[in-house]
PDB file of N, CA and C in Angstrom:
ATOM      1  N   MET A   1     -15.723 -30.706 -54.079  1.00  0.00           N
ATOM      2  CA  MET A   1     -14.600 -30.243 -53.475  1.00  0.00           C
ATOM      3  C   MET A   1     -14.924 -30.130 -51.894  1.00  0.00           C
ATOM      4  N   SER A   2     -13.972 -30.608 -51.461  1.00  0.00           N
ATOM      5  CA  SER A   2     -14.140 -30.548 -49.876  1.00  0.00           C
ATOM      6  C   SER A   2     -13.447 -29.294 -49.156  1.00  0.00           C
ATOM      7  N   LEU A   3     -14.216 -28.651 -48.048  1.00  0.00           N
ATOM      8  CA  LEU A   3     -13.054 -27.599 -47.513  1.00  0.00           C
ATOM      9  C   LEU A   3     -12.676 -28.444 -46.057  1.00  0.00           C
ATOM     10  N   GLU A   4     -11.444 -27.810 -45.843  1.00  0.00           N
ATOM     11  CA  GLU A   4     -10.900 -28.496 -44.450  1.00  0.00           C
ATOM     12  C   GLU A   4     -10.546 -27.795 -43.888  1.00  0.00           C
ATOM     13  N   THR A   5     -10.420 -27.895 -42.388  1.00  0.00           N
ATOM     14  CA  THR A   5     -10.446 -27.183 -41.073  1.00  0.00           C
ATOM     15  C   THR A   5      -9.402 -27.583 -40.487  1.00  0.00           C
ATOM     16  N   GLU A   6      -8.845 -26.153 -40.098  1.00  0.00           N
ATOM     17  CA  GLU A   6      -7.833 -26.864 -39.302  1.00  0.00           C
ATOM     18  C   GLU A   6      -7.941 -25.972 -37.991  1.00  0.00           C
ATOM     19  N   ASP A   7      -7.239 -26.778 -37.057  1.00  0.00           N
ATOM     20  CA  ASP A   7      -7.625 -26.453 -35.815  1.00  0.00           C
ATOM     21  C   ASP A   7      -6.306 -25.389 -35.337  1.00  0.00           C
ATOM     22  N   VAL A   8      -7.022 -24.194 -35.358  1.00  0.00           N
ATOM     23  CA  VAL A   8      -5.831 -23.009 -35.109  1.00  0.00           C
ATOM     24  C   VAL A   8      -6.164 -22.593 -33.272  1.00  0.00           C
ATOM     25  N   ASN A   9      -4.959 -22.684 -32.567  1.00  0.00           N
ATOM     26  CA  ASN A   9      -4.693 -22.396 -31.169  1.00  0.00           C
ATOM     27  C   ASN A   9      -3.890 -21.202 -31.321  1.00  0.00           C
ATOM     28  N   GLU A  10      -5.009 -19.943 -30.943  1.00  0.00           N
ATOM     29  CA  GLU A  10      -4.442 -18.983 -30.888  1.00  0.00           C
ATOM     30  C   GLU A  10      -3.696 -18.095 -29.612  1.00  0.00           C
ATOM     31  N   THR A  11      -2.760 -18.036 -29.709  1.00  0.00           N
ATOM     32  CA  THR A  11      -2.133 -17.177 -28.031  1.00  0.00           C
ATOM     33  C   THR A  11      -2.406 -15.495 -28.038  1.00  0.00           C
ATOM     34  N   VAL A  12      -2.914 -15.155 -27.129  1.00  0.00           N
ATOM     35  CA  VAL A  12      -3.420 -13.940 -26.804  1.00  0.00           C
ATOM     36  C   VAL A  12      -2.208 -13.353 -26.192  1.00  0.00           C
ATOM     37  N   VAL A  13      -1.449 -12.547 -26.186  1.00  0.00           N
ATOM     38  CA  VAL A  13      -0.793 -11.877 -25.309  1.00  0.00           C
ATOM     39  C   VAL A  13      -1.118 -10.506 -25.330  1.00  0.00           C
ATOM     40  N   GLN A  14      -1.149 -10.568 -23.430  1.00  0.00           N
ATOM     41  CA  GLN A  14      -1.330  -9.076 -23.268  1.00  0.00           C
ATOM     42  C   GLN A  14      -0.441  -8.346 -22.624  1.00  0.00           C
ATOM     43  N   GLU A  15      -0.243  -7.210 -23.065  1.00  0.00           N
ATOM     44  CA  GLU A  15       0.610  -6.638 -22.358  1.00  0.00           C
ATOM     45  C   GLU A  15       0.375  -6.318 -20.972  1.00  0.00           C
ATOM     46  N   THR A  16       1.669  -6.375 -19.980  1.00  0.00           N
ATOM     47  CA  THR A  16       1.406  -5.898 -18.529  1.00  0.00           C
ATOM     48  C   THR A  16       2.016  -4.859 -18.360  1.00  0.00           C
ATOM     49  N   THR A  17       1.816  -3.934 -18.026  1.00  0.00           N
ATOM     50  CA  THR A  17       2.600  -2.715 -17.654  1.00  0.00           C
ATOM     51  C   THR A  17       2.968  -2.624 -16.145  1.00  0.00           C
ATOM     52  N   THR A  18       4.185  -2.385 -15.756  1.00  0.00           N
ATOM     53  CA  THR A  18       4.231  -2.593 -14.551  1.00  0.00           C
ATOM     54  C   THR A  18       4.740  -1.158 -14.156  1.00  0.00           C
ATOM     55  N   PHE A  19       3.686  -0.695 -13.092  1.00  0.00           N
ATOM     56  CA  PHE A  19       3.980   0.896 -12.728  1.00  0.00           C
ATOM     57  C   PHE A  19       4.995   0.624 -11.168  1.00  0.00           C
ATOM     58  N   THR A  20       5.676   1.953 -11.192  1.00  0.00           N
ATOM     59  CA  THR A  20       6.575   1.921 -10.164  1.00  0.00           C
ATOM     60  C   THR A  20       6.094   3.255  -9.613  1.00  0.00           C
ATOM     61  N   GLN A  21       6.628   3.467  -8.072  1.00  0.00           N
ATOM     62  CA  GLN A  21       6.618   4.805  -7.771  1.00  0.00           C
ATOM     63  C   GLN A  21       7.669   5.751  -8.152  1.00  0.00           C
ATOM     64  N   THR A  22       7.140   6.876  -8.761  1.00  0.00           N
ATOM     65  CA  THR A  22       8.003   8.043  -9.523  1.00  0.00           C
ATOM     66  C   THR A  22       7.970   9.674  -8.860  1.00  0.00           C
ATOM     67  N   PRO A  23       9.356  10.208  -8.418  1.00  0.00           N
ATOM     68  CA  PRO A  23       9.330  11.117  -7.580  1.00  0.00           C
ATOM     69  C   PRO A  23       8.664  12.257  -8.303  1.00  0.00           C
ATOM     70  N   PHE A  24       7.990  13.228  -7.792  1.00  0.00           N
ATOM     71  CA  PHE A  24       7.159  14.725  -8.049  1.00  0.00           C
ATOM     72  C   PHE A  24       7.458  15.516  -7.069  1.00  0.00           C
ATOM     73  N   THR A  25       7.119  16.671  -7.438  1.00  0.00           N
ATOM     74  CA  THR A  25       7.149  17.922  -6.484  1.00  0.00           C
ATOM     75  C   THR A  25       5.787  18.626  -6.826  1.00  0.00           C
ATOM     76  N   PHE A  26       5.426  18.840  -5.465  1.00  0.00           N
ATOM     77  CA  PHE A  26       3.943  19.886  -5.714  1.00  0.00           C
ATOM     78  C   PHE A  26       4.654  21.212  -5.773  1.00  0.00           C
ATOM     79  N   GLU A  27       3.720  21.855  -6.969  1.00  0.00           N
ATOM     80  CA  GLU A  27       3.883  23.656  -7.210  1.00  0.00           C
ATOM     81  C   GLU A  27       3.129  24.499  -6.069  1.00  0.00           C
ATOM     82  N   ASP A  28       1.918  23.820  -6.137  1.00  0.00           N
ATOM     83  CA  ASP A  28       0.460  24.181  -5.217  1.00  0.00           C
ATOM     84  C   ASP A  28      -0.645  23.486  -5.085  1.00  0.00           C
ATOM     85  N   VAL A  29      -1.280  23.710  -3.993  1.00  0.00           N
ATOM     86  CA  VAL A  29      -2.333  22.369  -3.856  1.00  0.00           C
ATOM     87  C   VAL A  29      -3.291  23.541  -2.769  1.00  0.00           C
ATOM     88  N   VAL A  30      -4.974  23.096  -3.202  1.00  0.00           N
ATOM     89  CA  VAL A  30      -5.686  23.810  -2.648  1.00  0.00           C
ATOM     90  C   VAL A  30      -6.626  22.858  -2.220  1.00  0.00           C
ATOM     91  N   LEU A  31      -7.747  23.439  -1.960  1.00  0.00           N
ATOM     92  CA  LEU A  31      -8.901  22.603  -1.825  1.00  0.00           C
ATOM     93  C   LEU A  31      -9.894  23.441  -2.141  1.00  0.00           C
ATOM     94  N   LYS A  32     -10.996  22.706  -2.928  1.00  0.00           N
ATOM     95  CA  LYS A  32     -12.094  23.063  -3.613  1.00  0.00           C
ATOM     96  C   LYS A  32     -13.380  22.155  -3.232  1.00  0.00           C
ATOM     97  N   GLY A  33     -14.395  22.211  -2.481  1.00  0.00           N
ATOM     98  CA  GLY A  33     -15.040  21.484  -1.870  1.00  0.00           C
ATOM     99  C   GLY A  33     -14.596  20.400  -1.681  1.00  0.00           C
ATOM    100  N   ASP A  34     -15.448  19.190  -1.941  1.00  0.00           N
ATOM    101  CA  ASP A  34     -14.674  17.576  -1.768  1.00  0.00           C
ATOM    102  C   ASP A  34     -13.345  17.096  -2.802  1.00  0.00           C
ATOM    103  N   THR A  35     -12.864  18.284  -3.017  1.00  0.00           N
ATOM    104  CA  THR A  35     -11.543  18.215  -4.362  1.00  0.00           C
ATOM    105  C   THR A  35     -10.599  18.937  -3.528  1.00  0.00           C
ATOM    106  N   LEU A  36      -9.361  18.145  -3.515  1.00  0.00           N
ATOM    107  CA  LEU A  36      -7.953  18.849  -3.616  1.00  0.00           C
ATOM    108  C   LEU A  36      -7.379  18.618  -5.117  1.00  0.00           C
ATOM    109  N   ILE A  37      -6.987  19.744  -5.427  1.00  0.00           N
ATOM    110  CA  ILE A  37      -6.585  20.286  -6.804  1.00  0.00           C
ATOM    111  C   ILE A  37      -5.193  20.825  -6.356  1.00  0.00           C
ATOM    112  N   ALA A  38      -4.361  19.595  -7.107  1.00  0.00           N
ATOM    113  CA  ALA A  38      -2.585  19.775  -6.836  1.00  0.00           C
ATOM    114  C   ALA A  38      -2.352  20.244  -8.160  1.00  0.00           C
ATOM    115  N   LYS A  39      -1.245  21.022  -7.994  1.00  0.00           N
ATOM    116  CA  LYS A  39      -0.439  21.564  -9.405  1.00  0.00           C
ATOM    117  C   LYS A  39       0.727  20.585  -9.136  1.00  0.00           C
ATOM    118  N   VAL A  40       1.350  19.422  -9.717  1.00  0.00           N
ATOM    119  CA  VAL A  40       2.744  18.622  -9.440  1.00  0.00           C
ATOM    120  C   VAL A  40       3.461  19.115 -10.859  1.00  0.00           C
ATOM    121  N   GLN A  41       4.992  18.643 -10.551  1.00  0.00           N
ATOM    122  CA  GLN A  41       5.726  18.790 -11.304  1.00  0.00           C
ATOM    123  C   GLN A  41       6.791  17.634 -11.494  1.00  0.00           C
ATOM    124  N   TYR A  42       7.008  16.671 -12.697  1.00  0.00           N
ATOM    125  CA  TYR A  42       7.656  15.636 -12.725  1.00  0.00           C
ATOM    126  C   TYR A  42       8.097  15.506 -14.135  1.00  0.00           C
ATOM    127  N   SER A  43       9.174  14.498 -14.122  1.00  0.00           N
ATOM    128  CA  SER A  43       9.948  14.257 -15.608  1.00  0.00           C
ATOM    129  C   SER A  43       9.078  13.447 -15.904  1.00  0.00           C
ATOM    130  N   GLY A  44       8.811  13.319 -17.597  1.00  0.00           N
ATOM    131  CA  GLY A  44       8.657  12.242 -18.160  1.00  0.00           C
ATOM    132  C   GLY A  44       8.376  12.905 -19.826  1.00  0.00           C
ATOM    133  N   GLY A  45       7.191  12.328 -20.392  1.00  0.00           N
ATOM    134  CA  GLY A  45       6.946  13.325 -21.253  1.00  0.00           C
ATOM    135  C   GLY A  45       6.547  11.971 -22.553  1.00  0.00           C
ATOM    136  N   CYS A  46       6.687  10.427 -22.381  1.00  0.00           N
ATOM    137  CA  CYS A  46       6.331   9.339 -23.483  1.00  0.00           C
ATOM    138  C   CYS A  46       5.964   8.483 -23.178  1.00  0.00           C
ATOM    139  N   GLY A  47       5.722   8.465 -21.437  1.00  0.00           N
ATOM    140  CA  GLY A  47       4.961   7.295 -20.720  1.00  0.00           C
ATOM    141  C   GLY A  47       3.670   7.606 -20.152  1.00  0.00           C
ATOM    142  N   ASN A  48       2.898   6.442 -19.244  1.00  0.00           N
ATOM    143  CA  ASN A  48       1.889   6.358 -18.528  1.00  0.00           C
ATOM    144  C   ASN A  48       2.229   6.845 -17.161  1.00  0.00           C
ATOM    145  N   HIS A  49       1.486   7.744 -16.541  1.00  0.00           N
ATOM    146  CA  HIS A  49       1.504   8.203 -15.265  1.00  0.00           C
ATOM    147  C   HIS A  49       0.079   8.458 -14.763  1.00  0.00           C
ATOM    148  N   GLN A  50       0.020   7.745 -13.324  1.00  0.00           N
ATOM    149  CA  GLN A  50      -1.246   8.216 -12.485  1.00  0.00           C
ATOM    150  C   GLN A  50      -0.860   8.283 -11.096  1.00  0.00           C
ATOM    151  N   PHE A  51      -1.722   8.768 -10.594  1.00  0.00           N
ATOM    152  CA  PHE A  51      -1.481   9.571  -9.080  1.00  0.00           C
ATOM    153  C   PHE A  51      -2.795   9.258  -8.745  1.00  0.00           C
ATOM    154  N   GLU A  52      -2.328   8.862  -7.246  1.00  0.00           N
ATOM    155  CA  GLU A  52      -3.392   8.231  -6.293  1.00  0.00           C
ATOM    156  C   GLU A  52      -3.164   8.802  -4.888  1.00  0.00           C
ATOM    157  N   ILE A  53      -4.343   8.819  -4.270  1.00  0.00           N
ATOM    158  CA  ILE A  53      -4.277   9.951  -3.061  1.00  0.00           C
ATOM    159  C   ILE A  53      -5.147   8.706  -2.039  1.00  0.00           C
ATOM    160  N   GLU A  54      -4.255   8.686  -0.826  1.00  0.00           N
ATOM    161  CA  GLU A  54      -4.560   7.638  -0.049  1.00  0.00           C
ATOM    162  C   GLU A  54      -4.342   8.142   1.401  1.00  0.00           C
ATOM    163  N   LYS A  55      -4.859   7.327   2.398  1.00  0.00           N
ATOM    164  CA  LYS A  55      -4.823   7.683   3.733  1.00  0.00           C
ATOM    165  C   LYS A  55      -3.021   7.259   3.971  1.00  0.00           C
ATOM    166  N   ASN A  56      -2.302   7.917   5.046  1.00  0.00           N
ATOM    167  CA  ASN A  56      -1.391   8.245   5.285  1.00  0.00           C
ATOM    168  C   ASN A  56      -1.212   7.757   6.940  1.00  0.00           C
ATOM    169  N   GLY A  57      -1.482   7.111   7.325  1.00  0.00           N
ATOM    170  CA  GLY A  57      -1.707   6.774   9.264  1.00  0.00           C
ATOM    171  C   GLY A  57      -3.270   6.936   9.232  1.00  0.00           C
ATOM    172  N   PHE A  58      -2.855   7.075  10.882  1.00  0.00           N
ATOM    173  CA  PHE A  58      -4.809   6.986  11.246  1.00  0.00           C
ATOM    174  C   PHE A  58      -5.168   8.345  11.933  1.00  0.00           C
ATOM    175  N   LEU A  59      -6.562   8.576  11.777  1.00  0.00           N
ATOM    176  CA  LEU A  59      -7.035   9.825  11.709  1.00  0.00           C
ATOM    177  C   LEU A  59      -6.800  10.195  13.610  1.00  0.00           C
ATOM    178  N   MET A  60      -6.345  11.252  13.839  1.00  0.00           N
ATOM    179  CA  MET A  60      -5.838  11.846  14.938  1.00  0.00           C
ATOM    180  C   MET A  60      -7.084  12.346  15.764  1.00  0.00           C
ATOM    181  N   LYS A  61      -7.303  11.897  16.488  1.00  0.00           N
ATOM    182  CA  LYS A  61      -8.624  12.583  17.337  1.00  0.00           C
ATOM    183  C   LYS A  61      -7.937  13.756  17.892  1.00  0.00           C
ATOM    184  N   SER A  62      -8.246  14.635  17.768  1.00  0.00           N
ATOM    185  CA  SER A  62      -7.549  16.262  18.046  1.00  0.00           C
ATOM    186  C   SER A  62      -8.927  17.346  17.668  1.00  0.00           C
ATOM    187  N   LEU A  63      -8.877  18.144  18.132  1.00  0.00           N
ATOM    188  CA  LEU A  63     -10.431  19.034  17.658  1.00  0.00           C
ATOM    189  C   LEU A  63      -9.776  20.449  16.676  1.00  0.00           C
ATOM    190  N   PRO A  64      -9.708  20.132  15.571  1.00  0.00           N
ATOM    191  CA  PRO A  64     -10.710  19.360  14.754  1.00  0.00           C
ATOM    192  C   PRO A  64      -9.686  18.122  14.222  1.00  0.00           C
ATOM    193  N   PRO A  65     -10.399  16.966  13.931  1.00  0.00           N
ATOM    194  CA  PRO A  65      -9.715  16.124  13.701  1.00  0.00           C
ATOM    195  C   PRO A  65      -8.188  15.895  12.395  1.00  0.00           C
ATOM    196  N   LYS A  66      -7.204  15.424  12.507  1.00  0.00           N
ATOM    197  CA  LYS A  66      -6.536  15.522  11.500  1.00  0.00           C
ATOM    198  C   LYS A  66      -6.110  14.369  11.204  1.00  0.00           C
ATOM    199  N   GLN A  67      -5.847  14.063   9.586  1.00  0.00           N
ATOM    200  CA  GLN A  67      -6.027  12.775   8.873  1.00  0.00           C
ATOM    201  C   GLN A  67      -4.637  13.267   7.835  1.00  0.00           C
ATOM    202  N   PRO A  68      -3.558  12.318   8.138  1.00  0.00           N
ATOM    203  CA  PRO A  68      -2.246  12.584   7.627  1.00  0.00           C
ATOM    204  C   PRO A  68      -3.269  11.562   6.100  1.00  0.00           C
ATOM    205  N   ILE A  69      -2.212  12.115   4.791  1.00  0.00           N
ATOM    206  CA  ILE A  69      -2.970  11.579   3.739  1.00  0.00           C
ATOM    207  C   ILE A  69      -1.303  11.698   2.961  1.00  0.00           C
ATOM    208  N   LYS A  70      -1.522  10.737   1.716  1.00  0.00           N
ATOM    209  CA  LYS A  70      -0.543  11.299   0.655  1.00  0.00           C
ATOM    210  C   LYS A  70      -0.959  11.075  -0.751  1.00  0.00           C
ATOM    211  N   ILE A  71      -0.181  11.654  -1.338  1.00  0.00           N
ATOM    212  CA  ILE A  71      -0.358  11.443  -2.916  1.00  0.00           C
ATOM    213  C   ILE A  71       0.958  10.679  -3.373  1.00  0.00           C
ATOM    214  N   THR A  72       0.551   9.476  -4.377  1.00  0.00           N
ATOM    215  CA  THR A  72       1.543   8.321  -4.603  1.00  0.00           C
ATOM    216  C   THR A  72       1.490   8.707  -6.365  1.00  0.00           C
ATOM    217  N   HIS A  73       2.913   8.970  -6.623  1.00  0.00           N
ATOM    218  CA  HIS A  73       2.757   8.794  -8.496  1.00  0.00           C
ATOM    219  C   HIS A  73       3.423   7.777  -8.644  1.00  0.00           C
ATOM    220  N   LEU A  74       2.971   6.966  -9.778  1.00  0.00           N
ATOM    221  CA  LEU A  74       3.235   5.866 -10.347  1.00  0.00           C
ATOM    222  C   LEU A  74       3.522   6.361 -11.889  1.00  0.00           C
ATOM    223  N   SER A  75       4.565   5.475 -12.297  1.00  0.00           N
ATOM    224  CA  SER A  75       4.898   5.450 -14.022  1.00  0.00           C
ATOM    225  C   SER A  75       5.130   4.245 -14.287  1.00  0.00           C
ATOM    226  N   ASP A  76       5.641   4.177 -15.812  1.00  0.00           N
ATOM    227  CA  ASP A  76       6.156   2.851 -16.321  1.00  0.00           C
ATOM    228  C   ASP A  76       7.408   2.950 -16.738  1.00  0.00           C
ATOM    229  N   LYS A  77       7.813   3.787 -16.199  1.00  0.00           N
ATOM    230  CA  LYS A  77       9.680   3.691 -16.602  1.00  0.00           C
ATOM    231  C   LYS A  77       9.753   4.521 -17.444  1.00  0.00           C
ATOM    232  N   ASP A  78       8.805   5.962 -17.727  1.00  0.00           N
ATOM    233  CA  ASP A  78       8.809   6.825 -18.825  1.00  0.00           C
ATOM    234  C   ASP A  78      10.643   7.313 -18.935  1.00  0.00           C
ATOM    235  N   PRO A  79      11.432   6.610 -20.163  1.00  0.00           N
ATOM    236  CA  PRO A  79      12.717   7.178 -20.213  1.00  0.00           C
ATOM    237  C   PRO A  79      12.737   8.327 -20.678  1.00  0.00           C
ATOM    238  N   CYS A  80      11.736   9.308 -21.228  1.00  0.00           N
ATOM    239  CA  CYS A  80      11.777  10.827 -21.192  1.00  0.00           C
ATOM    240  C   CYS A  80      12.191  11.726 -20.249  1.00  0.00           C
ATOM    241  N   ARG A  81      12.782  13.146 -20.497  1.00  0.00           N
ATOM    242  CA  ARG A  81      13.151  13.748 -19.243  1.00  0.00           C
ATOM    243  C   ARG A  81      12.526  15.442 -19.524  1.00  0.00           C
ATOM    244  N   ALA A  82      11.711  15.078 -20.174  1.00  0.00           N
ATOM    245  CA  ALA A  82      10.757  16.610 -20.223  1.00  0.00           C
ATOM    246  C   ALA A  82      10.295  16.632 -18.795  1.00  0.00           C
ATOM    247  N   LEU A  83       9.963  18.065 -18.442  1.00  0.00           N
ATOM    248  CA  LEU A  83       9.372  18.695 -17.206  1.00  0.00           C
ATOM    249  C   LEU A  83       7.925  19.016 -17.420  1.00  0.00           C
ATOM    250  N   ILE A  84       7.256  17.789 -16.716  1.00  0.00           N
ATOM    251  CA  ILE A  84       5.583  17.678 -17.344  1.00  0.00           C
ATOM    252  C   ILE A  84       5.224  18.840 -15.801  1.00  0.00           C
ATOM    253  N   ILE A  85       4.382  19.710 -16.024  1.00  0.00           N
ATOM    254  CA  ILE A  85       3.217  20.241 -14.830  1.00  0.00           C
ATOM    255  C   ILE A  85       2.155  19.773 -15.187  1.00  0.00           C
ATOM    256  N   ASP A  86       1.732  19.452 -14.471  1.00  0.00           N
ATOM    257  CA  ASP A  86       0.081  18.794 -14.257  1.00  0.00           C
ATOM    258  C   ASP A  86      -1.199  19.218 -13.185  1.00  0.00           C
ATOM    259  N   GLU A  87      -2.224  19.572 -13.430  1.00  0.00           N
ATOM    260  CA  GLU A  87      -3.173  19.911 -12.561  1.00  0.00           C
ATOM    261  C   GLU A  87      -3.786  18.679 -12.041  1.00  0.00           C
ATOM    262  N   LEU A  88      -3.986  17.889 -10.919  1.00  0.00           N
ATOM    263  CA  LEU A  88      -4.225  16.922 -10.447  1.00  0.00           C
ATOM    264  C   LEU A  88      -5.695  17.182  -9.678  1.00  0.00           C
ATOM    265  N   LYS A  89      -6.989  16.803  -9.773  1.00  0.00           N
ATOM    266  CA  LYS A  89      -8.206  16.947  -9.147  1.00  0.00           C
ATOM    267  C   LYS A  89      -8.461  15.413  -8.415  1.00  0.00           C
ATOM    268  N   LEU A  90      -8.337  15.484  -7.140  1.00  0.00           N
ATOM    269  CA  LEU A  90      -8.490  14.130  -6.512  1.00  0.00           C
ATOM    270  C   LEU A  90      -9.919  14.319  -5.685  1.00  0.00           C
ATOM    271  N   TYR A  91     -10.696  13.364  -5.494  1.00  0.00           N
ATOM    272  CA  TYR A  91     -11.947  13.360  -4.401  1.00  0.00           C
ATOM    273  C   TYR A  91     -11.356  13.195  -2.936  1.00  0.00           C
ATOM    274  N   ILE A  92     -11.629  13.547  -1.940  1.00  0.00           N
ATOM    275  CA  ILE A  92     -11.307  13.806  -1.208  1.00  0.00           C
ATOM    276  C   ILE A  92     -12.092  13.401   0.444  1.00  0.00           C
ATOM    277  N   GLY A  93     -13.558  13.284   0.114  1.00  0.00           N
ATOM    278  CA  GLY A  93     -14.867  13.107   1.073  1.00  0.00           C
ATOM    279  C   GLY A  93     -14.624  11.942   1.627  1.00  0.00           C
ATOM    280  N   ASP A  94     -13.705  10.780   1.113  1.00  0.00           N
ATOM    281  CA  ASP A  94     -13.565   9.926   1.862  1.00  0.00           C
ATOM    282  C   ASP A  94     -12.680   9.849   3.405  1.00  0.00           C
ATOM    283  N   PHE A  95     -12.157  11.365   3.388  1.00  0.00           N
ATOM    284  CA  PHE A  95     -10.801  11.642   4.482  1.00  0.00           C
ATOM    285  C   PHE A  95     -11.650  12.747   5.464  1.00  0.00           C
ATOM    286  N   ARG A  96     -13.044  12.797   5.595  1.00  0.00           N
ATOM    287  CA  ARG A  96     -13.783  13.341   6.851  1.00  0.00           C
ATOM    288  C   ARG A  96     -13.612  12.487   7.953  1.00  0.00           C
ATOM    289  N   GLY A  97     -13.299  13.183   8.795  1.00  0.00           N
ATOM    290  CA  GLY A  97     -12.605  12.905  10.571  1.00  0.00           C
ATOM    291  C   GLY A  97     -14.334  12.888  11.208  1.00  0.00           C
ATOM    292  N   THR A  98     -15.372  13.723  10.374  1.00  0.00           N
ATOM    293  CA  THR A  98     -16.477  13.719  11.468  1.00  0.00           C
ATOM    294  C   THR A  98     -17.776  13.656  10.448  1.00  0.00           C
ATOM    295  N   PRO A  99     -19.106  13.378  10.810  1.00  0.00           N
ATOM    296  CA  PRO A  99     -19.972  13.417   9.860  1.00  0.00           C
ATOM    297  C   PRO A  99     -20.170  14.736   9.092  1.00  0.00           C
ATOM    298  N   SER A 100     -19.942  15.977  10.062  1.00  0.00           N
ATOM    299  CA  SER A 100     -20.190  17.008   9.356  1.00  0.00           C
ATOM    300  C   SER A 100     -19.120  18.308  10.130  1.00  0.00           C
ATOM    301  N   GLY A 101     -18.545  19.082   9.567  1.00  0.00           N
ATOM    302  CA  GLY A 101     -17.698  19.825  10.236  1.00  0.00           C
ATOM    303  C   GLY A 101     -16.418  20.397   9.498  1.00  0.00           C
ATOM    304  N   THR A 102     -15.121  20.017  10.166  1.00  0.00           N
ATOM    305  CA  THR A 102     -14.063  20.416   9.881  1.00  0.00           C
ATOM    306  C   THR A 102     -12.953  19.013  10.279  1.00  0.00           C
ATOM    307  N   THR A 103     -11.809  18.931   9.113  1.00  0.00           N
ATOM    308  CA  THR A 103     -10.911  18.007   9.144  1.00  0.00           C
ATOM    309  C   THR A 103      -9.533  18.726   8.454  1.00  0.00           C
ATOM    310  N   VAL A 104      -8.741  18.613   9.319  1.00  0.00           N
ATOM    311  CA  VAL A 104      -7.228  18.991   8.964  1.00  0.00           C
ATOM    312  C   VAL A 104      -6.304  18.176   8.001  1.00  0.00           C
ATOM    313  N   LEU A 105      -6.536  18.014   6.683  1.00  0.00           N
ATOM    314  CA  LEU A 105      -5.718  17.246   6.258  1.00  0.00           C
ATOM    315  C   LEU A 105      -4.091  17.240   6.066  1.00  0.00           C
ATOM    316  N   MET A 106      -3.058  16.709   6.651  1.00  0.00           N
ATOM    317  CA  MET A 106      -1.879  16.891   6.481  1.00  0.00           C
ATOM    318  C   MET A 106      -1.638  16.037   5.010  1.00  0.00           C
ATOM    319  N   LEU A 107      -0.909  16.822   4.209  1.00  0.00           N
ATOM    320  CA  LEU A 107      -0.160  15.822   3.140  1.00  0.00           C
ATOM    321  C   LEU A 107       1.046  15.927   3.062  1.00  0.00           C
ATOM    322  N   GLU A 108       1.349  14.790   3.148  1.00  0.00           N
ATOM    323  CA  GLU A 108       3.228  14.665   2.960  1.00  0.00           C
ATOM    324  C   GLU A 108       3.700  15.153   1.715  1.00  0.00           C
ATOM    325  N   ASN A 109       4.430  15.753   2.096  1.00  0.00           N
ATOM    326  CA  ASN A 109       5.541  16.678   1.387  1.00  0.00           C
ATOM    327  C   ASN A 109       5.105  18.242   1.270  1.00  0.00           C
ATOM    328  N   TRP A 110       3.875  18.621   1.590  1.00  0.00           N
ATOM    329  CA  TRP A 110       3.330  19.464   1.576  1.00  0.00           C
ATOM    330  C   TRP A 110       3.143  20.378   2.848  1.00  0.00           C
ATOM    331  N   ASN A 111       3.405  21.680   3.357  1.00  0.00           N
ATOM    332  CA  ASN A 111       4.374  22.127   4.451  1.00  0.00           C
ATOM    333  C   ASN A 111       2.545  22.319   5.269  1.00  0.00           C
ATOM    334  N   PRO A 112       2.227  23.442   4.558  1.00  0.00           N
ATOM    335  CA  PRO A 112       0.747  23.904   5.219  1.00  0.00           C
ATOM    336  C   PRO A 112      -0.496  23.035   5.454  1.00  0.00           C
ATOM    337  N   GLN A 113      -1.254  22.833   6.626  1.00  0.00           N
ATOM    338  CA  GLN A 113      -2.248  22.073   6.741  1.00  0.00           C
ATOM    339  C   GLN A 113      -3.353  22.511   6.023  1.00  0.00           C
ATOM    340  N   LEU A 114      -3.957  21.484   5.208  1.00  0.00           N
ATOM    341  CA  LEU A 114      -5.153  21.893   4.401  1.00  0.00           C
ATOM    342  C   LEU A 114      -6.740  21.889   5.413  1.00  0.00           C
ATOM    343  N   ILE A 115      -7.113  22.755   5.689  1.00  0.00           N
ATOM    344  CA  ILE A 115      -8.478  22.815   5.938  1.00  0.00           C
ATOM    345  C   ILE A 115      -9.927  22.650   5.578  1.00  0.00           C
ATOM    346  N   TYR A 116     -10.061  21.257   5.727  1.00  0.00           N
ATOM    347  CA  TYR A 116     -11.282  20.569   4.803  1.00  0.00           C
ATOM    348  C   TYR A 116     -12.409  21.004   5.449  1.00  0.00           C
ATOM    349  N   SER A 117     -13.130  21.784   5.090  1.00  0.00           N
ATOM    350  CA  SER A 117     -14.785  21.734   5.443  1.00  0.00           C
ATOM    351  C   SER A 117     -15.696  21.503   4.641  1.00  0.00           C
ATOM    352  N   TYR A 118     -16.585  20.803   5.557  1.00  0.00           N
ATOM    353  CA  TYR A 118     -17.539  20.151   4.825  1.00  0.00           C
ATOM    354  C   TYR A 118     -18.991  20.117   5.554  1.00  0.00           C
TER     355      TYR A 118
END
């Protein structure tokens, strides 16, 4: 008795998730060391959500220097409408305007300036 082998071509289907920018609001924002802690509110509840922090312009050469920053909320078109309140902890060490001292962080959609001392 002989065994025959068949050539099987397997197709691997990878799920690609498309994330789009989604609105959110700030409830509170504080700095603790090199961490920005933001309490945010958004709608969703059954999809994937991610938040990213990035520069939102050039460092302003004032005393102390000022750095515009923004937080972006990305989701995969979450169809649910629950009101979610989440706490984000984001590293801000990359936004230092000087090797040591103070930088004022100007967070988009958050009125008080954040004094970042290091």
